[in-house]
């Protein structure tokens, strides 16, 4: 099973993008789904995470601008990104934690915020 992320691209400051990440096969007991990002020269950081019960947490830098959601039937997680800033530029990775704590990562999708 692989995770396929999509939705990245080039957007102007203040614009919006919606990222999606879907599992290629069936996964059982997916607990947390999350989005991380890594900007050039920086460490990968958590952007947002959603539990199986729908509880969410966000990095302070994206609170009020990004919304994470999930579709359990489709094993898909979304990240709605609004009011984008140049500092949001990064490669965004999705992550699933399933079963007894197994980690699965997507291949990354590039988001560039620039005028």
PDB file of N, CA and C in Angstrom:
ATOM      1  N   UNK A   1       0.844  -1.191   0.000  1.00  0.00           N
ATOM      2  CA  UNK A   1       0.000   0.000   0.000  1.00  0.00           C
ATOM      3  C   UNK A   1       0.883   1.245   0.000  1.00  0.00           C
ATOM      4  N   UNK A   2       0.520   2.193  -0.840  1.00  0.00           N
ATOM      5  CA  UNK A   2       1.253   3.457  -0.905  1.00  0.00           C
ATOM      6  C   UNK A   2       0.287   4.613  -0.714  1.00  0.00           C
ATOM      7  N   UNK A   3       0.860   5.750  -0.306  1.00  0.00           N
ATOM      8  CA  UNK A   3       0.077   6.971  -0.202  1.00  0.00           C
ATOM      9  C   UNK A   3       0.411   7.866  -1.387  1.00  0.00           C
ATOM     10  N   UNK A   4      -0.619   8.368  -2.037  1.00  0.00           N
ATOM     11  CA  UNK A   4      -0.435   9.237  -3.187  1.00  0.00           C
ATOM     12  C   UNK A   4      -0.979  10.613  -2.856  1.00  0.00           C
ATOM     13  N   UNK A   5      -0.058  11.598  -2.788  1.00  0.00           N
ATOM     14  CA  UNK A   5      -0.448  12.969  -2.495  1.00  0.00           C
ATOM     15  C   UNK A   5      -0.584  13.754  -3.794  1.00  0.00           C
ATOM     16  N   UNK A   6      -1.516  14.683  -3.801  1.00  0.00           N
ATOM     17  CA  UNK A   6      -1.728  15.522  -4.975  1.00  0.00           C
ATOM     18  C   UNK A   6      -2.280  16.877  -4.543  1.00  0.00           C
ATOM     19  N   UNK A   7      -2.276  17.823  -5.488  1.00  0.00           N
ATOM     20  CA  UNK A   7      -2.883  19.124  -5.227  1.00  0.00           C
ATOM     21  C   UNK A   7      -1.905  20.266  -5.057  1.00  0.00           C
ATOM     22  N   UNK A   8      -0.617  19.973  -5.023  1.00  0.00           N
ATOM     23  CA  UNK A   8       0.360  21.036  -4.884  1.00  0.00           C
ATOM     24  C   UNK A   8       0.474  21.858  -6.160  1.00  0.00           C
ATOM     25  N   UNK A   9       1.212  22.951  -6.065  1.00  0.00           N
ATOM     26  CA  UNK A   9       1.401  23.803  -7.229  1.00  0.00           C
ATOM     27  C   UNK A   9       1.885  25.179  -6.830  1.00  0.00           C
ATOM     28  N   UNK A  10       1.819  26.070  -7.802  1.00  0.00           N
ATOM     29  CA  UNK A  10       2.237  27.458  -7.611  1.00  0.00           C
ATOM     30  C   UNK A  10       0.992  28.316  -7.369  1.00  0.00           C
ATOM     31  N   UNK A  11       1.038  29.119  -6.316  1.00  0.00           N
ATOM     32  CA  UNK A  11      -0.100  29.986  -5.989  1.00  0.00           C
ATOM     33  C   UNK A  11       0.436  31.314  -5.487  1.00  0.00           C
ATOM     34  N   UNK A  12      -0.317  32.364  -5.720  1.00  0.00           N
ATOM     35  CA  UNK A  12       0.081  33.682  -5.246  1.00  0.00           C
ATOM     36  C   UNK A  12      -0.221  33.838  -3.763  1.00  0.00           C
ATOM     37  N   UNK A  13       0.503  34.705  -3.095  1.00  0.00           N
ATOM     38  CA  UNK A  13       0.187  34.977  -1.682  1.00  0.00           C
ATOM     39  C   UNK A  13      -1.274  35.373  -1.521  1.00  0.00           C
ATOM     40  N   UNK A  14      -1.890  34.823  -0.486  1.00  0.00           N
ATOM     41  CA  UNK A  14      -3.307  35.058  -0.251  1.00  0.00           C
ATOM     42  C   UNK A  14      -4.209  34.047  -0.912  1.00  0.00           C
ATOM     43  N   UNK A  15      -3.656  33.214  -1.768  1.00  0.00           N
ATOM     44  CA  UNK A  15      -4.441  32.222  -2.478  1.00  0.00           C
ATOM     45  C   UNK A  15      -4.692  30.973  -1.661  1.00  0.00           C
ATOM     46  N   UNK A  16      -5.342  29.998  -2.309  1.00  0.00           N
ATOM     47  CA  UNK A  16      -5.718  28.755  -1.643  1.00  0.00           C
ATOM     48  C   UNK A  16      -5.318  27.554  -2.484  1.00  0.00           C
ATOM     49  N   UNK A  17      -5.082  26.462  -1.809  1.00  0.00           N
ATOM     50  CA  UNK A  17      -4.850  25.167  -2.433  1.00  0.00           C
ATOM     51  C   UNK A  17      -5.479  24.102  -1.553  1.00  0.00           C
ATOM     52  N   UNK A  18      -5.834  22.978  -2.178  1.00  0.00           N
ATOM     53  CA  UNK A  18      -6.345  21.844  -1.426  1.00  0.00           C
ATOM     54  C   UNK A  18      -5.510  20.622  -1.775  1.00  0.00           C
ATOM     55  N   UNK A  19      -4.875  20.075  -0.770  1.00  0.00           N
ATOM     56  CA  UNK A  19      -4.084  18.869  -0.939  1.00  0.00           C
ATOM     57  C   UNK A  19      -4.934  17.649  -0.606  1.00  0.00           C
ATOM     58  N   UNK A  20      -4.662  16.554  -1.313  1.00  0.00           N
ATOM     59  CA  UNK A  20      -5.321  15.285  -1.040  1.00  0.00           C
ATOM     60  C   UNK A  20      -4.264  14.201  -0.931  1.00  0.00           C
ATOM     61  N   UNK A  21      -4.577  13.197  -0.156  1.00  0.00           N
ATOM     62  CA  UNK A  21      -3.669  12.058  -0.014  1.00  0.00           C
ATOM     63  C   UNK A  21      -4.517  10.814   0.191  1.00  0.00           C
ATOM     64  N   UNK A  22      -4.351   9.864  -0.723  1.00  0.00           N
ATOM     65  CA  UNK A  22      -5.158   8.654  -0.674  1.00  0.00           C
ATOM     66  C   UNK A  22      -4.272   7.417  -0.645  1.00  0.00           C
ATOM     67  N   UNK A  23      -4.735   6.408   0.061  1.00  0.00           N
ATOM     68  CA  UNK A  23      -4.034   5.135   0.078  1.00  0.00           C
ATOM     69  C   UNK A  23      -4.385   4.348  -1.176  1.00  0.00           C
ATOM     70  N   UNK A  24      -3.384   3.670  -1.748  1.00  0.00           N
ATOM     71  CA  UNK A  24      -3.602   2.938  -2.985  1.00  0.00           C
ATOM     72  C   UNK A  24      -4.329   1.627  -2.773  1.00  0.00           C
ATOM     73  N   UNK A  25      -4.350   1.149  -1.540  1.00  0.00           N
ATOM     74  CA  UNK A  25      -5.030  -0.100  -1.240  1.00  0.00           C
ATOM     75  C   UNK A  25      -5.778   0.000   0.067  1.00  0.00           C
ATOM     76  N   UNK A  26      -6.239  -1.149   0.532  1.00  0.00           N
ATOM     77  CA  UNK A  26      -7.026  -1.155   1.755  1.00  0.00           C
ATOM     78  C   UNK A  26      -6.116  -1.100   2.974  1.00  0.00           C
ATOM     79  N   UNK A  27      -6.433  -0.202   3.878  1.00  0.00           N
ATOM     80  CA  UNK A  27      -5.742  -0.119   5.154  1.00  0.00           C
ATOM     81  C   UNK A  27      -6.770  -0.261   6.267  1.00  0.00           C
ATOM     82  N   UNK A  28      -6.418  -0.988   7.282  1.00  0.00           N
ATOM     83  CA  UNK A  28      -7.310  -1.149   8.418  1.00  0.00           C
ATOM     84  C   UNK A  28      -6.772  -0.401   9.623  1.00  0.00           C
ATOM     85  N   UNK A  29      -7.684   0.046  10.435  1.00  0.00           N
ATOM     86  CA  UNK A  29      -7.332   0.710  11.697  1.00  0.00           C
ATOM     87  C   UNK A  29      -6.361   1.860  11.477  1.00  0.00           C
ATOM     88  N   UNK A  30      -6.729   2.770  10.579  1.00  0.00           N
ATOM     89  CA  UNK A  30      -5.908   3.968  10.415  1.00  0.00           C
ATOM     90  C   UNK A  30      -6.242   4.916  11.554  1.00  0.00           C
ATOM     91  N   UNK A  31      -5.281   5.181  12.368  1.00  0.00           N
ATOM     92  CA  UNK A  31      -5.494   6.041  13.526  1.00  0.00           C
ATOM     93  C   UNK A  31      -5.307   7.504  13.121  1.00  0.00           C
ATOM     94  N   UNK A  32      -4.095   7.973  13.234  1.00  0.00           N
ATOM     95  CA  UNK A  32      -3.839   9.364  12.874  1.00  0.00           C
ATOM     96  C   UNK A  32      -3.529   9.508  11.389  1.00  0.00           C
ATOM     97  N   UNK A  33      -4.036  10.583  10.801  1.00  0.00           N
ATOM     98  CA  UNK A  33      -3.628  11.018   9.473  1.00  0.00           C
ATOM     99  C   UNK A  33      -3.078  12.426   9.639  1.00  0.00           C
ATOM    100  N   UNK A  34      -2.000  12.700   8.940  1.00  0.00           N
ATOM    101  CA  UNK A  34      -1.400  14.010   9.141  1.00  0.00           C
ATOM    102  C   UNK A  34      -0.707  14.534   7.901  1.00  0.00           C
ATOM    103  N   UNK A  35      -0.403  15.812   7.978  1.00  0.00           N
ATOM    104  CA  UNK A  35       0.388  16.488   6.950  1.00  0.00           C
ATOM    105  C   UNK A  35       1.611  17.118   7.621  1.00  0.00           C
ATOM    106  N   UNK A  36       2.744  16.896   6.992  1.00  0.00           N
ATOM    107  CA  UNK A  36       4.001  17.497   7.410  1.00  0.00           C
ATOM    108  C   UNK A  36       4.544  18.298   6.240  1.00  0.00           C
ATOM    109  N   UNK A  37       5.489  19.174   6.513  1.00  0.00           N
ATOM    110  CA  UNK A  37       6.124  19.894   5.422  1.00  0.00           C
ATOM    111  C   UNK A  37       7.603  20.103   5.721  1.00  0.00           C
ATOM    112  N   UNK A  38       8.341  20.246   4.645  1.00  0.00           N
ATOM    113  CA  UNK A  38       9.774  20.490   4.771  1.00  0.00           C
ATOM    114  C   UNK A  38      10.181  21.551   3.768  1.00  0.00           C
ATOM    115  N   UNK A  39      10.622  22.676   4.297  1.00  0.00           N
ATOM    116  CA  UNK A  39      11.111  23.763   3.460  1.00  0.00           C
ATOM    117  C   UNK A  39      12.601  23.564   3.227  1.00  0.00           C
ATOM    118  N   UNK A  40      13.146  24.159   2.174  1.00  0.00           N
ATOM    119  CA  UNK A  40      14.578  24.003   1.889  1.00  0.00           C
ATOM    120  C   UNK A  40      15.434  24.424   3.075  1.00  0.00           C
ATOM    121  N   UNK A  41      16.349  23.550   3.462  1.00  0.00           N
ATOM    122  CA  UNK A  41      17.252  23.855   4.543  1.00  0.00           C
ATOM    123  C   UNK A  41      16.673  23.739   5.933  1.00  0.00           C
ATOM    124  N   UNK A  42      15.423  23.256   6.019  1.00  0.00           N
ATOM    125  CA  UNK A  42      14.779  23.141   7.323  1.00  0.00           C
ATOM    126  C   UNK A  42      14.365  21.698   7.582  1.00  0.00           C
ATOM    127  N   UNK A  43      14.084  21.428   8.845  1.00  0.00           N
ATOM    128  CA  UNK A  43      13.625  20.095   9.217  1.00  0.00           C
ATOM    129  C   UNK A  43      12.141  19.930   8.882  1.00  0.00           C
ATOM    130  N   UNK A  44      11.754  18.686   8.703  1.00  0.00           N
ATOM    131  CA  UNK A  44      10.345  18.397   8.481  1.00  0.00           C
ATOM    132  C   UNK A  44       9.559  18.731   9.751  1.00  0.00           C
ATOM    133  N   UNK A  45       8.410  19.363   9.574  1.00  0.00           N
ATOM    134  CA  UNK A  45       7.605  19.756  10.722  1.00  0.00           C
ATOM    135  C   UNK A  45       6.148  19.350  10.516  1.00  0.00           C
ATOM    136  N   UNK A  46       5.477  19.118  11.635  1.00  0.00           N
ATOM    137  CA  UNK A  46       4.059  18.787  11.589  1.00  0.00           C
ATOM    138  C   UNK A  46       3.260  20.039  11.224  1.00  0.00           C
ATOM    139  N   UNK A  47       2.344  19.881  10.282  1.00  0.00           N
ATOM    140  CA  UNK A  47       1.441  20.964   9.906  1.00  0.00           C
ATOM    141  C   UNK A  47       0.087  20.776  10.579  1.00  0.00           C
ATOM    142  N   UNK A  48      -0.467  19.586  10.419  1.00  0.00           N
ATOM    143  CA  UNK A  48      -1.787  19.306  10.981  1.00  0.00           C
ATOM    144  C   UNK A  48      -1.966  17.798  11.096  1.00  0.00           C
ATOM    145  N   UNK A  49      -2.810  17.418  12.044  1.00  0.00           N
ATOM    146  CA  UNK A  49      -3.048  15.994  12.283  1.00  0.00           C
ATOM    147  C   UNK A  49      -4.501  15.809  12.694  1.00  0.00           C
ATOM    148  N   UNK A  50      -5.066  14.682  12.286  1.00  0.00           N
ATOM    149  CA  UNK A  50      -6.449  14.380  12.647  1.00  0.00           C
ATOM    150  C   UNK A  50      -6.523  12.926  13.095  1.00  0.00           C
ATOM    151  N   UNK A  51      -7.196  12.692  14.208  1.00  0.00           N
ATOM    152  CA  UNK A  51      -7.320  11.342  14.743  1.00  0.00           C
ATOM    153  C   UNK A  51      -8.515  10.624  14.109  1.00  0.00           C
ATOM    154  N   UNK A  52      -8.643   9.359  14.442  1.00  0.00           N
ATOM    155  CA  UNK A  52      -9.747   8.567  13.902  1.00  0.00           C
ATOM    156  C   UNK A  52     -11.105   9.086  14.394  1.00  0.00           C
ATOM    157  N   UNK A  53     -11.123   9.751  15.525  1.00  0.00           N
ATOM    158  CA  UNK A  53     -12.367  10.301  16.066  1.00  0.00           C
ATOM    159  C   UNK A  53     -12.638  11.725  15.581  1.00  0.00           C
ATOM    160  N   UNK A  54     -11.703  12.277  14.809  1.00  0.00           N
ATOM    161  CA  UNK A  54     -11.906  13.600  14.249  1.00  0.00           C
ATOM    162  C   UNK A  54     -11.265  14.740  15.007  1.00  0.00           C
ATOM    163  N   UNK A  55     -10.554  14.453  16.066  1.00  0.00           N
ATOM    164  CA  UNK A  55      -9.845  15.505  16.786  1.00  0.00           C
ATOM    165  C   UNK A  55      -8.674  15.999  15.948  1.00  0.00           C
ATOM    166  N   UNK A  56      -8.458  17.289  15.987  1.00  0.00           N
ATOM    167  CA  UNK A  56      -7.406  17.877  15.152  1.00  0.00           C
ATOM    168  C   UNK A  56      -6.438  18.698  15.988  1.00  0.00           C
ATOM    169  N   UNK A  57      -5.227  18.819  15.491  1.00  0.00           N
ATOM    170  CA  UNK A  57      -4.300  19.787  16.037  1.00  0.00           C
ATOM    171  C   UNK A  57      -3.456  20.348  14.898  1.00  0.00           C
ATOM    172  N   UNK A  58      -3.049  21.592  15.078  1.00  0.00           N
ATOM    173  CA  UNK A  58      -2.368  22.341  14.028  1.00  0.00           C
ATOM    174  C   UNK A  58      -1.113  23.011  14.573  1.00  0.00           C
ATOM    175  N   UNK A  59      -0.159  23.203  13.686  1.00  0.00           N
ATOM    176  CA  UNK A  59       0.982  24.043  14.015  1.00  0.00           C
ATOM    177  C   UNK A  59       0.471  25.469  14.217  1.00  0.00           C
ATOM    178  N   UNK A  60       1.092  26.178  15.131  1.00  0.00           N
ATOM    179  CA  UNK A  60       0.652  27.554  15.414  1.00  0.00           C
ATOM    180  C   UNK A  60       0.691  28.419  14.166  1.00  0.00           C
ATOM    181  N   UNK A  61       1.642  28.161  13.295  1.00  0.00           N
ATOM    182  CA  UNK A  61       1.829  29.005  12.108  1.00  0.00           C
ATOM    183  C   UNK A  61       0.696  28.875  11.091  1.00  0.00           C
ATOM    184  N   UNK A  62      -0.120  27.818  11.203  1.00  0.00           N
ATOM    185  CA  UNK A  62      -1.195  27.615  10.224  1.00  0.00           C
ATOM    186  C   UNK A  62      -2.589  27.677  10.837  1.00  0.00           C
ATOM    187  N   UNK A  63      -2.671  27.820  12.134  1.00  0.00           N
ATOM    188  CA  UNK A  63      -3.981  27.884  12.792  1.00  0.00           C
ATOM    189  C   UNK A  63      -4.819  29.024  12.228  1.00  0.00           C
ATOM    190  N   UNK A  64      -6.080  28.706  11.951  1.00  0.00           N
ATOM    191  CA  UNK A  64      -6.982  29.710  11.405  1.00  0.00           C
ATOM    192  C   UNK A  64      -6.897  29.845   9.895  1.00  0.00           C
ATOM    193  N   UNK A  65      -5.909  29.203   9.268  1.00  0.00           N
ATOM    194  CA  UNK A  65      -5.759  29.294   7.816  1.00  0.00           C
ATOM    195  C   UNK A  65      -5.916  27.926   7.139  1.00  0.00           C
ATOM    196  N   UNK A  66      -5.457  26.874   7.784  1.00  0.00           N
ATOM    197  CA  UNK A  66      -5.500  25.527   7.209  1.00  0.00           C
ATOM    198  C   UNK A  66      -6.573  24.697   7.925  1.00  0.00           C
ATOM    199  N   UNK A  67      -7.175  23.794   7.163  1.00  0.00           N
ATOM    200  CA  UNK A  67      -8.158  22.873   7.736  1.00  0.00           C
ATOM    201  C   UNK A  67      -7.856  21.459   7.251  1.00  0.00           C
ATOM    202  N   UNK A  68      -7.704  20.550   8.195  1.00  0.00           N
ATOM    203  CA  UNK A  68      -7.481  19.152   7.844  1.00  0.00           C
ATOM    204  C   UNK A  68      -8.793  18.395   8.014  1.00  0.00           C
ATOM    205  N   UNK A  69      -9.027  17.447   7.105  1.00  0.00           N
ATOM    206  CA  UNK A  69     -10.213  16.606   7.193  1.00  0.00           C
ATOM    207  C   UNK A  69      -9.881  15.231   6.625  1.00  0.00           C
ATOM    208  N   UNK A  70     -10.760  14.269   6.866  1.00  0.00           N
ATOM    209  CA  UNK A  70     -10.503  12.920   6.381  1.00  0.00           C
ATOM    210  C   UNK A  70     -11.795  12.247   5.971  1.00  0.00           C
ATOM    211  N   UNK A  71     -11.634  11.308   5.051  1.00  0.00           N
ATOM    212  CA  UNK A  71     -12.738  10.453   4.612  1.00  0.00           C
ATOM    213  C   UNK A  71     -12.305   9.028   4.903  1.00  0.00           C
ATOM    214  N   UNK A  72     -12.827   8.460   5.974  1.00  0.00           N
ATOM    215  CA  UNK A  72     -12.381   7.135   6.393  1.00  0.00           C
ATOM    216  C   UNK A  72     -12.762   6.056   5.389  1.00  0.00           C
ATOM    217  N   UNK A  73     -13.886   6.215   4.745  1.00  0.00           N
ATOM    218  CA  UNK A  73     -14.316   5.206   3.765  1.00  0.00           C
ATOM    219  C   UNK A  73     -13.353   5.141   2.586  1.00  0.00           C
ATOM    220  N   UNK A  74     -12.750   6.274   2.281  1.00  0.00           N
ATOM    221  CA  UNK A  74     -11.831   6.331   1.143  1.00  0.00           C
ATOM    222  C   UNK A  74     -10.369   6.301   1.572  1.00  0.00           C
ATOM    223  N   UNK A  75     -10.128   6.219   2.889  1.00  0.00           N
ATOM    224  CA  UNK A  75      -8.748   6.287   3.389  1.00  0.00           C
ATOM    225  C   UNK A  75      -8.002   7.466   2.780  1.00  0.00           C
ATOM    226  N   UNK A  76      -8.628   8.621   2.879  1.00  0.00           N
ATOM    227  CA  UNK A  76      -8.089   9.831   2.272  1.00  0.00           C
ATOM    228  C   UNK A  76      -8.072  10.964   3.296  1.00  0.00           C
ATOM    229  N   UNK A  77      -7.024  11.749   3.235  1.00  0.00           N
ATOM    230  CA  UNK A  77      -6.916  12.926   4.091  1.00  0.00           C
ATOM    231  C   UNK A  77      -6.744  14.152   3.195  1.00  0.00           C
ATOM    232  N   UNK A  78      -7.311  15.257   3.639  1.00  0.00           N
ATOM    233  CA  UNK A  78      -7.262  16.498   2.879  1.00  0.00           C
ATOM    234  C   UNK A  78      -6.648  17.607   3.725  1.00  0.00           C
ATOM    235  N   UNK A  79      -6.081  18.583   3.036  1.00  0.00           N
ATOM    236  CA  UNK A  79      -5.603  19.776   3.715  1.00  0.00           C
ATOM    237  C   UNK A  79      -6.025  20.984   2.880  1.00  0.00           C
ATOM    238  N   UNK A  80      -6.988  21.726   3.401  1.00  0.00           N
ATOM    239  CA  UNK A  80      -7.418  22.964   2.753  1.00  0.00           C
ATOM    240  C   UNK A  80      -6.535  24.086   3.279  1.00  0.00           C
ATOM    241  N   UNK A  81      -5.826  24.731   2.376  1.00  0.00           N
ATOM    242  CA  UNK A  81      -4.885  25.777   2.764  1.00  0.00           C
ATOM    243  C   UNK A  81      -5.366  27.110   2.207  1.00  0.00           C
ATOM    244  N   UNK A  82      -5.668  28.025   3.096  1.00  0.00           N
ATOM    245  CA  UNK A  82      -6.150  29.342   2.715  1.00  0.00           C
ATOM    246  C   UNK A  82      -5.172  30.420   3.166  1.00  0.00           C
ATOM    247  N   UNK A  83      -5.327  31.606   2.590  1.00  0.00           N
ATOM    248  CA  UNK A  83      -4.478  32.749   2.961  1.00  0.00           C
ATOM    249  C   UNK A  83      -3.004  32.351   2.958  1.00  0.00           C
ATOM    250  N   UNK A  84      -2.588  31.718   1.909  1.00  0.00           N
ATOM    251  CA  UNK A  84      -1.213  31.198   1.846  1.00  0.00           C
ATOM    252  C   UNK A  84      -0.193  32.321   1.846  1.00  0.00           C
ATOM    253  N   UNK A  85       0.927  32.021   2.485  1.00  0.00           N
ATOM    254  CA  UNK A  85       2.024  32.975   2.629  1.00  0.00           C
ATOM    255  C   UNK A  85       3.286  32.394   1.990  1.00  0.00           C
ATOM    256  N   UNK A  86       4.216  33.224   1.604  1.00  0.00           N
ATOM    257  CA  UNK A  86       5.470  32.696   1.041  1.00  0.00           C
ATOM    258  C   UNK A  86       6.166  31.707   1.975  1.00  0.00           C
ATOM    259  N   UNK A  87       6.045  31.912   3.259  1.00  0.00           N
ATOM    260  CA  UNK A  87       6.688  31.001   4.221  1.00  0.00           C
ATOM    261  C   UNK A  87       6.004  29.640   4.296  1.00  0.00           C
ATOM    262  N   UNK A  88       4.885  29.470   3.609  1.00  0.00           N
ATOM    263  CA  UNK A  88       4.252  28.154   3.512  1.00  0.00           C
ATOM    264  C   UNK A  88       4.873  27.303   2.410  1.00  0.00           C
ATOM    265  N   UNK A  89       5.757  27.896   1.633  1.00  0.00           N
ATOM    266  CA  UNK A  89       6.416  27.163   0.559  1.00  0.00           C
ATOM    267  C   UNK A  89       7.220  25.999   1.128  1.00  0.00           C
ATOM    268  N   UNK A  90       6.941  24.809   0.627  1.00  0.00           N
ATOM    269  CA  UNK A  90       7.593  23.601   1.132  1.00  0.00           C
ATOM    270  C   UNK A  90       7.099  22.395   0.337  1.00  0.00           C
ATOM    271  N   UNK A  91       7.751  21.278   0.561  1.00  0.00           N
ATOM    272  CA  UNK A  91       7.212  19.998   0.102  1.00  0.00           C
ATOM    273  C   UNK A  91       6.333  19.451   1.225  1.00  0.00           C
ATOM    274  N   UNK A  92       5.115  19.136   0.899  1.00  0.00           N
ATOM    275  CA  UNK A  92       4.149  18.650   1.876  1.00  0.00           C
ATOM    276  C   UNK A  92       4.027  17.132   1.763  1.00  0.00           C
ATOM    277  N   UNK A  93       4.113  16.461   2.902  1.00  0.00           N
ATOM    278  CA  UNK A  93       4.049  15.011   2.972  1.00  0.00           C
ATOM    279  C   UNK A  93       2.852  14.588   3.821  1.00  0.00           C
ATOM    280  N   UNK A  94       2.151  13.578   3.349  1.00  0.00           N
ATOM    281  CA  UNK A  94       1.085  13.026   4.166  1.00  0.00           C
ATOM    282  C   UNK A  94       1.626  11.802   4.921  1.00  0.00           C
ATOM    283  N   UNK A  95       0.980  11.514   6.013  1.00  0.00           N
ATOM    284  CA  UNK A  95       1.424  10.435   6.892  1.00  0.00           C
ATOM    285  C   UNK A  95       0.216   9.751   7.510  1.00  0.00           C
ATOM    286  N   UNK A  96       0.222   8.419   7.460  1.00  0.00           N
ATOM    287  CA  UNK A  96      -0.807   7.631   8.140  1.00  0.00           C
ATOM    288  C   UNK A  96      -0.136   6.802   9.219  1.00  0.00           C
ATOM    289  N   UNK A  97      -0.776   6.708  10.339  1.00  0.00           N
ATOM    290  CA  UNK A  97      -0.376   5.770  11.380  1.00  0.00           C
ATOM    291  C   UNK A  97      -1.510   4.760  11.522  1.00  0.00           C
ATOM    292  N   UNK A  98      -1.176   3.476  11.328  1.00  0.00           N
ATOM    293  CA  UNK A  98      -2.232   2.468  11.288  1.00  0.00           C
ATOM    294  C   UNK A  98      -1.804   1.229  12.040  1.00  0.00           C
ATOM    295  N   UNK A  99      -2.805   0.402  12.314  1.00  0.00           N
ATOM    296  CA  UNK A  99      -2.528  -0.846  13.007  1.00  0.00           C
ATOM    297  C   UNK A  99      -1.878  -0.615  14.356  1.00  0.00           C
ATOM    298  N   UNK A 100      -0.787  -1.318  14.587  1.00  0.00           N
ATOM    299  CA  UNK A 100      -0.084  -1.236  15.867  1.00  0.00           C
ATOM    300  C   UNK A 100       0.998  -0.162  15.849  1.00  0.00           C
ATOM    301  N   UNK A 101       0.718   0.940  15.167  1.00  0.00           N
ATOM    302  CA  UNK A 101       1.668   2.044  15.171  1.00  0.00           C
ATOM    303  C   UNK A 101       2.584   2.081  13.975  1.00  0.00           C
ATOM    304  N   UNK A 102       2.159   1.467  12.871  1.00  0.00           N
ATOM    305  CA  UNK A 102       2.972   1.508  11.648  1.00  0.00           C
ATOM    306  C   UNK A 102       2.826   2.869  10.977  1.00  0.00           C
ATOM    307  N   UNK A 103       3.943   3.333  10.416  1.00  0.00           N
ATOM    308  CA  UNK A 103       3.985   4.625   9.734  1.00  0.00           C
ATOM    309  C   UNK A 103       4.020   4.434   8.228  1.00  0.00           C
ATOM    310  N   UNK A 104       3.233   5.240   7.535  1.00  0.00           N
ATOM    311  CA  UNK A 104       3.236   5.213   6.081  1.00  0.00           C
ATOM    312  C   UNK A 104       3.335   6.659   5.592  1.00  0.00           C
ATOM    313  N   UNK A 105       4.275   6.917   4.663  1.00  0.00           N
ATOM    314  CA  UNK A 105       4.484   8.269   4.167  1.00  0.00           C
ATOM    315  C   UNK A 105       4.164   8.372   2.686  1.00  0.00           C
ATOM    316  N   UNK A 106       3.632   9.507   2.299  1.00  0.00           N
ATOM    317  CA  UNK A 106       3.434   9.798   0.890  1.00  0.00           C
ATOM    318  C   UNK A 106       4.720  10.335   0.274  1.00  0.00           C
ATOM    319  N   UNK A 107       4.701  10.526  -1.036  1.00  0.00           N
ATOM    320  CA  UNK A 107       5.910  10.908  -1.759  1.00  0.00           C
ATOM    321  C   UNK A 107       6.185  12.399  -1.710  1.00  0.00           C
ATOM    322  N   UNK A 108       5.235  13.182  -1.254  1.00  0.00           N
ATOM    323  CA  UNK A 108       5.448  14.619  -1.170  1.00  0.00           C
ATOM    324  C   UNK A 108       4.884  15.351  -2.367  1.00  0.00           C
ATOM    325  N   UNK A 109       4.335  16.524  -2.113  1.00  0.00           N
ATOM    326  CA  UNK A 109       3.842  17.383  -3.178  1.00  0.00           C
ATOM    327  C   UNK A 109       4.316  18.810  -2.896  1.00  0.00           C
ATOM    328  N   UNK A 110       4.832  19.466  -3.910  1.00  0.00           N
ATOM    329  CA  UNK A 110       5.456  20.773  -3.731  1.00  0.00           C
ATOM    330  C   UNK A 110       4.407  21.879  -3.774  1.00  0.00           C
ATOM    331  N   UNK A 111       4.459  22.736  -2.770  1.00  0.00           N
ATOM    332  CA  UNK A 111       3.629  23.935  -2.725  1.00  0.00           C
ATOM    333  C   UNK A 111       4.554  25.139  -2.767  1.00  0.00           C
ATOM    334  N   UNK A 112       4.340  25.994  -3.746  1.00  0.00           N
ATOM    335  CA  UNK A 112       5.148  27.202  -3.885  1.00  0.00           C
ATOM    336  C   UNK A 112       4.223  28.410  -3.841  1.00  0.00           C
ATOM    337  N   UNK A 113       4.487  29.302  -2.893  1.00  0.00           N
ATOM    338  CA  UNK A 113       3.682  30.512  -2.750  1.00  0.00           C
ATOM    339  C   UNK A 113       4.556  31.693  -3.136  1.00  0.00           C
ATOM    340  N   UNK A 114       4.225  32.279  -4.264  1.00  0.00           N
ATOM    341  CA  UNK A 114       5.074  33.346  -4.791  1.00  0.00           C
ATOM    342  C   UNK A 114       4.277  34.202  -5.763  1.00  0.00           C
ATOM    343  N   UNK A 115       4.637  35.474  -5.801  1.00  0.00           N
ATOM    344  CA  UNK A 115       3.995  36.373  -6.758  1.00  0.00           C
ATOM    345  C   UNK A 115       4.832  36.460  -8.034  1.00  0.00           C
TER     346      UNK A 115
END
